[in-house]
PDB file of all heavy atoms in Angstrom:
ATOM      1  N   GLU A   1      -5.659 -10.550 -13.500  1.00  0.00           N
ATOM      2  CA  GLU A   1      -5.591  -9.182 -14.034  1.00  0.00           C
ATOM      3  C   GLU A   1      -5.942  -8.171 -12.945  1.00  0.00           C
ATOM      4  O   GLU A   1      -5.291  -7.126 -12.814  1.00  0.00           O
ATOM      5  CB  GLU A   1      -6.545  -9.035 -15.219  1.00  0.00           C
ATOM      6  CG  GLU A   1      -5.989  -9.550 -16.525  1.00  0.00           C
ATOM      7  CD  GLU A   1      -4.941  -8.608 -17.123  1.00  0.00           C
ATOM      8  OE1 GLU A   1      -5.064  -7.377 -16.960  1.00  0.00           O
ATOM      9  OE2 GLU A   1      -3.988  -9.114 -17.747  1.00  0.00           O
ATOM     10  N   ASN A   2      -6.980  -8.468 -12.170  1.00  0.00           N
ATOM     11  CA  ASN A   2      -7.379  -7.541 -11.100  1.00  0.00           C
ATOM     12  C   ASN A   2      -6.305  -7.444 -10.024  1.00  0.00           C
ATOM     13  O   ASN A   2      -6.040  -6.362  -9.496  1.00  0.00           O
ATOM     14  CB  ASN A   2      -8.701  -7.998 -10.490  1.00  0.00           C
ATOM     15  CG  ASN A   2      -9.869  -7.851 -11.441  1.00  0.00           C
ATOM     16  OD1 ASN A   2      -9.797  -7.115 -12.418  1.00  0.00           O
ATOM     17  ND2 ASN A   2     -10.958  -8.565 -11.166  1.00  0.00           N
ATOM     18  N   ALA A   3      -5.702  -8.585  -9.682  1.00  0.00           N
ATOM     19  CA  ALA A   3      -4.634  -8.578  -8.680  1.00  0.00           C
ATOM     20  C   ALA A   3      -3.440  -7.779  -9.177  1.00  0.00           C
ATOM     21  O   ALA A   3      -2.873  -6.942  -8.452  1.00  0.00           O
ATOM     22  CB  ALA A   3      -4.224 -10.012  -8.350  1.00  0.00           C
ATOM     23  N   GLY A   4      -3.043  -8.018 -10.431  1.00  0.00           N
ATOM     24  CA  GLY A   4      -1.916  -7.272 -10.988  1.00  0.00           C
ATOM     25  C   GLY A   4      -2.191  -5.783 -11.057  1.00  0.00           C
ATOM     26  O   GLY A   4      -1.293  -4.955 -10.823  1.00  0.00           O
ATOM     27  N   ALA A   5      -3.441  -5.422 -11.383  1.00  0.00           N
ATOM     28  CA  ALA A   5      -3.801  -4.005 -11.436  1.00  0.00           C
ATOM     29  C   ALA A   5      -3.691  -3.358 -10.059  1.00  0.00           C
ATOM     30  O   ALA A   5      -3.232  -2.210  -9.920  1.00  0.00           O
ATOM     31  CB  ALA A   5      -5.215  -3.850 -11.984  1.00  0.00           C
ATOM     32  N   ALA A   6      -4.103  -4.089  -9.010  1.00  0.00           N
ATOM     33  CA  ALA A   6      -3.998  -3.558  -7.647  1.00  0.00           C
ATOM     34  C   ALA A   6      -2.533  -3.379  -7.250  1.00  0.00           C
ATOM     35  O   ALA A   6      -2.165  -2.390  -6.610  1.00  0.00           O
ATOM     36  CB  ALA A   6      -4.707  -4.498  -6.673  1.00  0.00           C
ATOM     37  N   VAL A   7      -1.682  -4.334  -7.641  1.00  0.00           N
ATOM     38  CA  VAL A   7      -0.251  -4.226  -7.344  1.00  0.00           C
ATOM     39  C   VAL A   7       0.337  -3.018  -8.080  1.00  0.00           C
ATOM     40  O   VAL A   7       1.112  -2.239  -7.504  1.00  0.00           O
ATOM     41  CB  VAL A   7       0.481  -5.522  -7.752  1.00  0.00           C
ATOM     42  CG1 VAL A   7       2.000  -5.351  -7.599  1.00  0.00           C
ATOM     43  CG2 VAL A   7       0.007  -6.692  -6.899  1.00  0.00           C
ATOM     44  N   ALA A   8      -0.018  -2.862  -9.352  1.00  0.00           N
ATOM     45  CA  ALA A   8       0.503  -1.737 -10.130  1.00  0.00           C
ATOM     46  C   ALA A   8       0.090  -0.402  -9.522  1.00  0.00           C
ATOM     47  O   ALA A   8       0.897   0.546  -9.459  1.00  0.00           O
ATOM     48  CB  ALA A   8       0.017  -1.838 -11.577  1.00  0.00           C
ATOM     49  N   LEU A   9      -1.150  -0.306  -9.073  1.00  0.00           N
ATOM     50  CA  LEU A   9      -1.621   0.938  -8.467  1.00  0.00           C
ATOM     51  C   LEU A   9      -0.826   1.257  -7.209  1.00  0.00           C
ATOM     52  O   LEU A   9      -0.378   2.393  -7.009  1.00  0.00           O
ATOM     53  CB  LEU A   9      -3.116   0.831  -8.154  1.00  0.00           C
ATOM     54  CG  LEU A   9      -3.754   2.048  -7.477  1.00  0.00           C
ATOM     55  CD1 LEU A   9      -3.637   3.278  -8.365  1.00  0.00           C
ATOM     56  CD2 LEU A   9      -5.209   1.770  -7.126  1.00  0.00           C
ATOM     57  N   GLU A  10      -0.646   0.252  -6.366  1.00  0.00           N
ATOM     58  CA  GLU A  10       0.113   0.476  -5.128  1.00  0.00           C
ATOM     59  C   GLU A  10       1.556   0.850  -5.443  1.00  0.00           C
ATOM     60  O   GLU A  10       2.142   1.736  -4.796  1.00  0.00           O
ATOM     61  CB  GLU A  10       0.056  -0.781  -4.258  1.00  0.00           C
ATOM     62  CG  GLU A  10       0.384  -0.556  -2.804  1.00  0.00           C
ATOM     63  CD  GLU A  10      -0.580   0.395  -2.118  1.00  0.00           C
ATOM     64  OE1 GLU A  10      -1.786   0.335  -2.394  1.00  0.00           O
ATOM     65  OE2 GLU A  10      -0.092   1.234  -1.313  1.00  0.00           O
ATOM     66  N   ALA A  11       2.142   0.176  -6.440  1.00  0.00           N
ATOM     67  CA  ALA A  11       3.524   0.472  -6.814  1.00  0.00           C
ATOM     68  C   ALA A  11       3.667   1.894  -7.342  1.00  0.00           C
ATOM     69  O   ALA A  11       4.673   2.571  -7.085  1.00  0.00           O
ATOM     70  CB  ALA A  11       3.998  -0.530  -7.866  1.00  0.00           C
ATOM     71  N   SER A  12       2.658   2.368  -8.043  1.00  0.00           N
ATOM     72  CA  SER A  12       2.728   3.723  -8.617  1.00  0.00           C
ATOM     73  C   SER A  12       2.745   4.786  -7.529  1.00  0.00           C
ATOM     74  O   SER A  12       3.216   5.914  -7.771  1.00  0.00           O
ATOM     75  CB  SER A  12       1.560   3.954  -9.566  1.00  0.00           C
ATOM     76  OG  SER A  12       0.323   4.006  -8.859  1.00  0.00           O
ATOM     77  N   TRP A  13       2.245   4.458  -6.343  1.00  0.00           N
ATOM     78  CA  TRP A  13       2.300   5.395  -5.228  1.00  0.00           C
ATOM     79  C   TRP A  13       3.627   5.310  -4.471  1.00  0.00           C
ATOM     80  O   TRP A  13       4.041   6.275  -3.831  1.00  0.00           O
ATOM     81  CB  TRP A  13       1.143   5.127  -4.256  1.00  0.00           C
ATOM     82  CG  TRP A  13      -0.205   5.419  -4.826  1.00  0.00           C
ATOM     83  CD1 TRP A  13      -0.510   6.299  -5.825  1.00  0.00           C
ATOM     84  CD2 TRP A  13      -1.444   4.830  -4.446  1.00  0.00           C
ATOM     85  NE1 TRP A  13      -1.861   6.303  -6.088  1.00  0.00           N
ATOM     86  CE2 TRP A  13      -2.471   5.405  -5.259  1.00  0.00           C
ATOM     87  CE3 TRP A  13      -1.808   3.872  -3.512  1.00  0.00           C
ATOM     88  CZ2 TRP A  13      -3.805   5.052  -5.143  1.00  0.00           C
ATOM     89  CZ3 TRP A  13      -3.149   3.526  -3.405  1.00  0.00           C
ATOM     90  CH2 TRP A  13      -4.133   4.101  -4.206  1.00  0.00           C
ATOM     91  N   LEU A  14       4.281   4.167  -4.545  1.00  0.00           N
ATOM     92  CA  LEU A  14       5.531   3.972  -3.812  1.00  0.00           C
ATOM     93  C   LEU A  14       6.755   4.440  -4.584  1.00  0.00           C
ATOM     94  O   LEU A  14       7.766   4.817  -3.990  1.00  0.00           O
ATOM     95  CB  LEU A  14       5.704   2.495  -3.451  1.00  0.00           C
ATOM     96  CG  LEU A  14       4.753   1.918  -2.405  1.00  0.00           C
ATOM     97  CD1 LEU A  14       4.934   0.405  -2.283  1.00  0.00           C
ATOM     98  CD2 LEU A  14       4.962   2.583  -1.047  1.00  0.00           C
ATOM     99  N   ALA A  15       6.683   4.390  -5.917  1.00  0.00           N
ATOM    100  CA  ALA A  15       7.824   4.771  -6.752  1.00  0.00           C
ATOM    101  C   ALA A  15       7.658   6.204  -7.247  1.00  0.00           C
ATOM    102  O   ALA A  15       6.534   6.683  -7.428  1.00  0.00           O
ATOM    103  CB  ALA A  15       7.937   3.820  -7.945  1.00  0.00           C
ATOM    104  N   PRO A  16       8.758   6.908  -7.470  1.00  0.00           N
ATOM    105  CA  PRO A  16       8.636   8.256  -8.042  1.00  0.00           C
ATOM    106  C   PRO A  16       8.090   8.195  -9.467  1.00  0.00           C
ATOM    107  O   PRO A  16       8.182   7.177 -10.147  1.00  0.00           O
ATOM    108  CB  PRO A  16      10.082   8.771  -8.024  1.00  0.00           C
ATOM    109  CG  PRO A  16      10.938   7.554  -7.972  1.00  0.00           C
ATOM    110  CD  PRO A  16      10.159   6.523  -7.224  1.00  0.00           C
ATOM    111  N   ARG A  17       7.510   9.279  -9.908  1.00  0.00           N
ATOM    112  CA  ARG A  17       6.930   9.324 -11.251  1.00  0.00           C
ATOM    113  C   ARG A  17       8.004   8.984 -12.293  1.00  0.00           C
ATOM    114  O   ARG A  17       9.109   9.523 -12.263  1.00  0.00           O
ATOM    115  CB  ARG A  17       6.361  10.718 -11.520  1.00  0.00           C
ATOM    116  CG  ARG A  17       5.566  10.794 -12.806  1.00  0.00           C
ATOM    117  CD  ARG A  17       4.963  12.171 -12.985  1.00  0.00           C
ATOM    118  NE  ARG A  17       4.143  12.241 -14.187  1.00  0.00           N
ATOM    119  CZ  ARG A  17       3.580  13.350 -14.638  1.00  0.00           C
ATOM    120  NH1 ARG A  17       3.740  14.483 -13.967  1.00  0.00           N
ATOM    121  NH2 ARG A  17       2.855  13.335 -15.738  1.00  0.00           N
ATOM    122  N   HIS A  18       7.648   8.074 -13.201  1.00  0.00           N
ATOM    123  CA  HIS A  18       8.575   7.574 -14.229  1.00  0.00           C
ATOM    124  C   HIS A  18       9.800   6.900 -13.610  1.00  0.00           C
ATOM    125  O   HIS A  18      10.855   6.815 -14.261  1.00  0.00           O
ATOM    126  CB  HIS A  18       9.028   8.700 -15.179  1.00  0.00           C
ATOM    127  CG  HIS A  18       7.905   9.471 -15.780  1.00  0.00           C
ATOM    128  ND1 HIS A  18       6.836   8.860 -16.411  1.00  0.00           N
ATOM    129  CD2 HIS A  18       7.655  10.811 -15.826  1.00  0.00           C
ATOM    130  CE1 HIS A  18       5.996   9.793 -16.843  1.00  0.00           C
ATOM    131  NE2 HIS A  18       6.456  10.984 -16.490  1.00  0.00           N
ATOM    132  N   GLY A  19       9.679   6.437 -12.384  1.00  0.00           N
ATOM    133  CA  GLY A  19      10.796   5.808 -11.699  1.00  0.00           C
ATOM    134  C   GLY A  19      11.119   4.427 -12.237  1.00  0.00           C
ATOM    135  O   GLY A  19      10.413   3.864 -13.083  1.00  0.00           O
ATOM    136  N   ARG A  20      12.188   3.864 -11.694  1.00  0.00           N
ATOM    137  CA  ARG A  20      12.682   2.563 -12.136  1.00  0.00           C
ATOM    138  C   ARG A  20      12.163   1.483 -11.189  1.00  0.00           C
ATOM    139  O   ARG A  20      12.451   1.509  -9.994  1.00  0.00           O
ATOM    140  CB  ARG A  20      14.206   2.577 -12.167  1.00  0.00           C
ATOM    141  CG  ARG A  20      14.783   3.497 -13.239  1.00  0.00           C
ATOM    142  CD  ARG A  20      16.224   3.836 -12.986  1.00  0.00           C
ATOM    143  NE  ARG A  20      16.373   4.656 -11.773  1.00  0.00           N
ATOM    144  CZ  ARG A  20      17.522   5.221 -11.386  1.00  0.00           C
ATOM    145  NH1 ARG A  20      18.611   5.036 -12.095  1.00  0.00           N
ATOM    146  NH2 ARG A  20      17.567   5.936 -10.281  1.00  0.00           N
ATOM    147  N   ILE A  21      11.430   0.545 -11.746  1.00  0.00           N
ATOM    148  CA  ILE A  21      10.809  -0.522 -10.961  1.00  0.00           C
ATOM    149  C   ILE A  21      11.306  -1.868 -11.471  1.00  0.00           C
ATOM    150  O   ILE A  21      11.294  -2.126 -12.684  1.00  0.00           O
ATOM    151  CB  ILE A  21       9.268  -0.463 -11.050  1.00  0.00           C
ATOM    152  CG1 ILE A  21       8.753   0.865 -10.497  1.00  0.00           C
ATOM    153  CG2 ILE A  21       8.637  -1.642 -10.301  1.00  0.00           C
ATOM    154  CD1 ILE A  21       7.252   1.057 -10.648  1.00  0.00           C
ATOM    155  N   VAL A  22      11.756  -2.704 -10.545  1.00  0.00           N
ATOM    156  CA  VAL A  22      12.152  -4.071 -10.863  1.00  0.00           C
ATOM    157  C   VAL A  22      11.083  -5.008 -10.319  1.00  0.00           C
ATOM    158  O   VAL A  22      10.679  -4.886  -9.154  1.00  0.00           O
ATOM    159  CB  VAL A  22      13.521  -4.420 -10.259  1.00  0.00           C
ATOM    160  CG1 VAL A  22      13.842  -5.902 -10.469  1.00  0.00           C
ATOM    161  CG2 VAL A  22      14.613  -3.559 -10.892  1.00  0.00           C
ATOM    162  N   VAL A  23      10.611  -5.929 -11.158  1.00  0.00           N
ATOM    163  CA  VAL A  23       9.600  -6.902 -10.753  1.00  0.00           C
ATOM    164  C   VAL A  23      10.232  -8.291 -10.774  1.00  0.00           C
ATOM    165  O   VAL A  23      10.736  -8.725 -11.816  1.00  0.00           O
ATOM    166  CB  VAL A  23       8.376  -6.872 -11.692  1.00  0.00           C
ATOM    167  CG1 VAL A  23       7.299  -7.827 -11.192  1.00  0.00           C
ATOM    168  CG2 VAL A  23       7.817  -5.448 -11.793  1.00  0.00           C
ATOM    169  N   LEU A  24      10.210  -8.971  -9.627  1.00  0.00           N
ATOM    170  CA  LEU A  24      10.750 -10.323  -9.513  1.00  0.00           C
ATOM    171  C   LEU A  24       9.587 -11.309  -9.561  1.00  0.00           C
ATOM    172  O   LEU A  24       8.708 -11.290  -8.700  1.00  0.00           O
ATOM    173  CB  LEU A  24      11.513 -10.497  -8.204  1.00  0.00           C
ATOM    174  CG  LEU A  24      12.643  -9.495  -7.918  1.00  0.00           C
ATOM    175  CD1 LEU A  24      13.351  -9.859  -6.621  1.00  0.00           C
ATOM    176  CD2 LEU A  24      13.624  -9.423  -9.075  1.00  0.00           C
ATOM    177  N   CYS A  25       9.565 -12.179 -10.551  1.00  0.00           N
ATOM    178  CA  CYS A  25       8.456 -13.107 -10.746  1.00  0.00           C
ATOM    179  C   CYS A  25       8.894 -14.545 -10.506  1.00  0.00           C
ATOM    180  O   CYS A  25       9.978 -14.956 -10.948  1.00  0.00           O
ATOM    181  CB  CYS A  25       7.899 -12.988 -12.159  1.00  0.00           C
ATOM    182  SG  CYS A  25       7.120 -11.394 -12.498  1.00  0.00           S
ATOM    183  N   GLY A  26       8.033 -15.293  -9.839  1.00  0.00           N
ATOM    184  CA  GLY A  26       8.276 -16.699  -9.584  1.00  0.00           C
ATOM    185  C   GLY A  26       7.485 -17.579 -10.527  1.00  0.00           C
ATOM    186  O   GLY A  26       6.860 -17.103 -11.481  1.00  0.00           O
ATOM    187  N   PRO A  27       7.445 -18.891 -10.245  1.00  0.00           N
ATOM    188  CA  PRO A  27       6.880 -19.844 -11.208  1.00  0.00           C
ATOM    189  C   PRO A  27       5.372 -20.010 -11.166  1.00  0.00           C
ATOM    190  O   PRO A  27       4.800 -20.631 -12.060  1.00  0.00           O
ATOM    191  CB  PRO A  27       7.565 -21.155 -10.803  1.00  0.00           C
ATOM    192  CG  PRO A  27       7.825 -20.997  -9.336  1.00  0.00           C
ATOM    193  CD  PRO A  27       8.142 -19.549  -9.137  1.00  0.00           C
ATOM    194  N   GLY A  28       4.678 -19.481 -10.153  1.00  0.00           N
ATOM    195  CA  GLY A  28       3.247 -19.738 -10.001  1.00  0.00           C
ATOM    196  C   GLY A  28       2.398 -18.520 -10.282  1.00  0.00           C
ATOM    197  O   GLY A  28       2.816 -17.562 -10.964  1.00  0.00           O
ATOM    198  N   ASN A  29       1.171 -18.542  -9.738  1.00  0.00           N
ATOM    199  CA  ASN A  29       0.245 -17.428  -9.972  1.00  0.00           C
ATOM    200  C   ASN A  29       0.723 -16.126  -9.360  1.00  0.00           C
ATOM    201  O   ASN A  29       0.367 -15.045  -9.839  1.00  0.00           O
ATOM    202  CB  ASN A  29      -1.140 -17.785  -9.434  1.00  0.00           C
ATOM    203  CG  ASN A  29      -1.882 -18.728 -10.360  1.00  0.00           C
ATOM    204  OD1 ASN A  29      -1.453 -18.978 -11.489  1.00  0.00           O
ATOM    205  ND2 ASN A  29      -2.992 -19.266  -9.893  1.00  0.00           N
ATOM    206  N   ASN A  30       1.529 -16.202  -8.301  1.00  0.00           N
ATOM    207  CA  ASN A  30       2.113 -14.992  -7.733  1.00  0.00           C
ATOM    208  C   ASN A  30       2.986 -14.298  -8.772  1.00  0.00           C
ATOM    209  O   ASN A  30       2.929 -13.076  -8.941  1.00  0.00           O
ATOM    210  CB  ASN A  30       2.916 -15.363  -6.481  1.00  0.00           C
ATOM    211  CG  ASN A  30       3.181 -14.181  -5.579  1.00  0.00           C
ATOM    212  OD1 ASN A  30       4.322 -13.741  -5.458  1.00  0.00           O
ATOM    213  ND2 ASN A  30       2.152 -13.667  -4.932  1.00  0.00           N
ATOM    214  N   GLY A  31       3.757 -15.100  -9.507  1.00  0.00           N
ATOM    215  CA  GLY A  31       4.547 -14.545 -10.593  1.00  0.00           C
ATOM    216  C   GLY A  31       3.668 -13.990 -11.698  1.00  0.00           C
ATOM    217  O   GLY A  31       3.989 -12.966 -12.323  1.00  0.00           O
ATOM    218  N   GLY A  32       2.537 -14.654 -11.969  1.00  0.00           N
ATOM    219  CA  GLY A  32       1.597 -14.134 -12.961  1.00  0.00           C
ATOM    220  C   GLY A  32       1.085 -12.764 -12.582  1.00  0.00           C
ATOM    221  O   GLY A  32       0.963 -11.865 -13.443  1.00  0.00           O
ATOM    222  N   ASP A  33       0.775 -12.554 -11.290  1.00  0.00           N
ATOM    223  CA  ASP A  33       0.375 -11.222 -10.820  1.00  0.00           C
ATOM    224  C   ASP A  33       1.472 -10.204 -11.115  1.00  0.00           C
ATOM    225  O   ASP A  33       1.194  -9.058 -11.491  1.00  0.00           O
ATOM    226  CB  ASP A  33       0.097 -11.244  -9.313  1.00  0.00           C
ATOM    227  CG  ASP A  33      -1.037 -12.170  -8.919  1.00  0.00           C
ATOM    228  OD1 ASP A  33      -1.862 -12.511  -9.786  1.00  0.00           O
ATOM    229  OD2 ASP A  33      -1.085 -12.564  -7.726  1.00  0.00           O
ATOM    230  N   GLY A  34       2.714 -10.629 -10.929  1.00  0.00           N
ATOM    231  CA  GLY A  34       3.838  -9.737 -11.202  1.00  0.00           C
ATOM    232  C   GLY A  34       3.943  -9.362 -12.668  1.00  0.00           C
ATOM    233  O   GLY A  34       4.232  -8.197 -13.006  1.00  0.00           O
ATOM    234  N   PHE A  35       3.712 -10.324 -13.575  1.00  0.00           N
ATOM    235  CA  PHE A  35       3.738 -10.019 -15.006  1.00  0.00           C
ATOM    236  C   PHE A  35       2.673  -8.985 -15.361  1.00  0.00           C
ATOM    237  O   PHE A  35       2.925  -8.050 -16.135  1.00  0.00           O
ATOM    238  CB  PHE A  35       3.509 -11.299 -15.819  1.00  0.00           C
ATOM    239  CG  PHE A  35       4.769 -12.056 -16.146  1.00  0.00           C
ATOM    240  CD1 PHE A  35       5.116 -13.192 -15.441  1.00  0.00           C
ATOM    241  CD2 PHE A  35       5.602 -11.635 -17.165  1.00  0.00           C
ATOM    242  CE1 PHE A  35       6.274 -13.899 -15.738  1.00  0.00           C
ATOM    243  CE2 PHE A  35       6.757 -12.332 -17.482  1.00  0.00           C
ATOM    244  CZ  PHE A  35       7.101 -13.469 -16.768  1.00  0.00           C
ATOM    245  N   VAL A  36       1.469  -9.156 -14.820  1.00  0.00           N
ATOM    246  CA  VAL A  36       0.399  -8.192 -15.102  1.00  0.00           C
ATOM    247  C   VAL A  36       0.777  -6.804 -14.586  1.00  0.00           C
ATOM    248  O   VAL A  36       0.626  -5.795 -15.295  1.00  0.00           O
ATOM    249  CB  VAL A  36      -0.928  -8.660 -14.469  1.00  0.00           C
ATOM    250  CG1 VAL A  36      -1.995  -7.580 -14.613  1.00  0.00           C
ATOM    251  CG2 VAL A  36      -1.399  -9.959 -15.104  1.00  0.00           C
ATOM    252  N   ALA A  37       1.284  -6.738 -13.360  1.00  0.00           N
ATOM    253  CA  ALA A  37       1.678  -5.449 -12.778  1.00  0.00           C
ATOM    254  C   ALA A  37       2.762  -4.793 -13.614  1.00  0.00           C
ATOM    255  O   ALA A  37       2.729  -3.572 -13.863  1.00  0.00           O
ATOM    256  CB  ALA A  37       2.146  -5.646 -11.342  1.00  0.00           C
ATOM    257  N   ALA A  38       3.741  -5.583 -14.065  1.00  0.00           N
ATOM    258  CA  ALA A  38       4.828  -5.031 -14.882  1.00  0.00           C
ATOM    259  C   ALA A  38       4.290  -4.429 -16.173  1.00  0.00           C
ATOM    260  O   ALA A  38       4.687  -3.323 -16.584  1.00  0.00           O
ATOM    261  CB  ALA A  38       5.842  -6.135 -15.183  1.00  0.00           C
ATOM    262  N   ARG A  39       3.377  -5.132 -16.831  1.00  0.00           N
ATOM    263  CA  ARG A  39       2.804  -4.636 -18.087  1.00  0.00           C
ATOM    264  C   ARG A  39       2.070  -3.310 -17.877  1.00  0.00           C
ATOM    265  O   ARG A  39       2.229  -2.356 -18.656  1.00  0.00           O
ATOM    266  CB  ARG A  39       1.839  -5.685 -18.647  1.00  0.00           C
ATOM    267  CG  ARG A  39       1.341  -5.361 -20.049  1.00  0.00           C
ATOM    268  CD  ARG A  39       0.272  -6.336 -20.517  1.00  0.00           C
ATOM    269  NE  ARG A  39      -1.031  -6.035 -19.937  1.00  0.00           N
ATOM    270  CZ  ARG A  39      -1.735  -6.871 -19.187  1.00  0.00           C
ATOM    271  NH1 ARG A  39      -1.280  -8.077 -18.886  1.00  0.00           N
ATOM    272  NH2 ARG A  39      -2.907  -6.495 -18.704  1.00  0.00           N
ATOM    273  N   LEU A  40       1.280  -3.230 -16.814  1.00  0.00           N
ATOM    274  CA  LEU A  40       0.489  -2.021 -16.557  1.00  0.00           C
ATOM    275  C   LEU A  40       1.383  -0.853 -16.144  1.00  0.00           C
ATOM    276  O   LEU A  40       1.125   0.297 -16.513  1.00  0.00           O
ATOM    277  CB  LEU A  40      -0.556  -2.309 -15.491  1.00  0.00           C
ATOM    278  CG  LEU A  40      -1.609  -3.359 -15.873  1.00  0.00           C
ATOM    279  CD1 LEU A  40      -2.535  -3.643 -14.697  1.00  0.00           C
ATOM    280  CD2 LEU A  40      -2.412  -2.904 -17.093  1.00  0.00           C
ATOM    281  N   LEU A  41       2.425  -1.136 -15.376  1.00  0.00           N
ATOM    282  CA  LEU A  41       3.340  -0.068 -14.963  1.00  0.00           C
ATOM    283  C   LEU A  41       4.125   0.470 -16.159  1.00  0.00           C
ATOM    284  O   LEU A  41       4.369   1.676 -16.263  1.00  0.00           O
ATOM    285  CB  LEU A  41       4.294  -0.592 -13.880  1.00  0.00           C
ATOM    286  CG  LEU A  41       3.656  -0.805 -12.512  1.00  0.00           C
ATOM    287  CD1 LEU A  41       4.560  -1.648 -11.621  1.00  0.00           C
ATOM    288  CD2 LEU A  41       3.350   0.542 -11.835  1.00  0.00           C
ATOM    289  N   LYS A  42       4.508  -0.406 -17.053  1.00  0.00           N
ATOM    290  CA  LYS A  42       5.212   0.035 -18.262  1.00  0.00           C
ATOM    291  C   LYS A  42       4.306   0.932 -19.098  1.00  0.00           C
ATOM    292  O   LYS A  42       4.760   1.948 -19.653  1.00  0.00           O
ATOM    293  CB  LYS A  42       5.657  -1.184 -19.065  1.00  0.00           C
ATOM    294  CG  LYS A  42       6.504  -0.825 -20.284  1.00  0.00           C
ATOM    295  CD  LYS A  42       6.946  -2.075 -21.026  1.00  0.00           C
ATOM    296  CE  LYS A  42       7.759  -1.684 -22.270  1.00  0.00           C
ATOM    297  NZ  LYS A  42       8.149  -2.865 -23.074  1.00  0.00           N
ATOM    298  N   ALA A  43       3.017   0.577 -19.161  1.00  0.00           N
ATOM    299  CA  ALA A  43       2.067   1.400 -19.917  1.00  0.00           C
ATOM    300  C   ALA A  43       1.883   2.775 -19.294  1.00  0.00           C
ATOM    301  O   ALA A  43       1.448   3.718 -19.970  1.00  0.00           O
ATOM    302  CB  ALA A  43       0.727   0.684 -20.011  1.00  0.00           C
ATOM    303  N   ARG A  44       2.218   2.916 -18.011  1.00  0.00           N
ATOM    304  CA  ARG A  44       2.120   4.207 -17.323  1.00  0.00           C
ATOM    305  C   ARG A  44       3.453   4.952 -17.332  1.00  0.00           C
ATOM    306  O   ARG A  44       3.669   5.870 -16.544  1.00  0.00           O
ATOM    307  CB  ARG A  44       1.641   4.000 -15.884  1.00  0.00           C
ATOM    308  CG  ARG A  44       0.236   3.409 -15.793  1.00  0.00           C
ATOM    309  CD  ARG A  44      -0.147   3.128 -14.357  1.00  0.00           C
ATOM    310  NE  ARG A  44      -1.381   2.343 -14.287  1.00  0.00           N
ATOM    311  CZ  ARG A  44      -1.906   1.868 -13.155  1.00  0.00           C
ATOM    312  NH1 ARG A  44      -1.305   2.096 -11.989  1.00  0.00           N
ATOM    313  NH2 ARG A  44      -3.024   1.163 -13.189  1.00  0.00           N
ATOM    314  N   ASP A  45       4.343   4.532 -18.177  1.00  0.00           N
ATOM    315  CA  ASP A  45       5.630   5.214 -18.400  1.00  0.00           C
ATOM    316  C   ASP A  45       6.621   5.065 -17.252  1.00  0.00           C
ATOM    317  O   ASP A  45       7.518   5.907 -17.083  1.00  0.00           O
ATOM    318  CB  ASP A  45       5.413   6.703 -18.712  1.00  0.00           C
ATOM    319  CG  ASP A  45       4.705   6.903 -20.039  1.00  0.00           C
ATOM    320  OD1 ASP A  45       4.926   6.090 -20.956  1.00  0.00           O
ATOM    321  OD2 ASP A  45       3.926   7.869 -20.149  1.00  0.00           O
TER     322      ASP A  45
END
């Protein structure tokens, strides 16, 4: 959760406000970080 939150925060600075973000997730914990980041970014509109 903490890793995904850090990814989401960094992504929010790289993408325009309400921008379109694609998250590519793999089969391991790296993909799990991506799922968390995707959920948090969606919650931020």
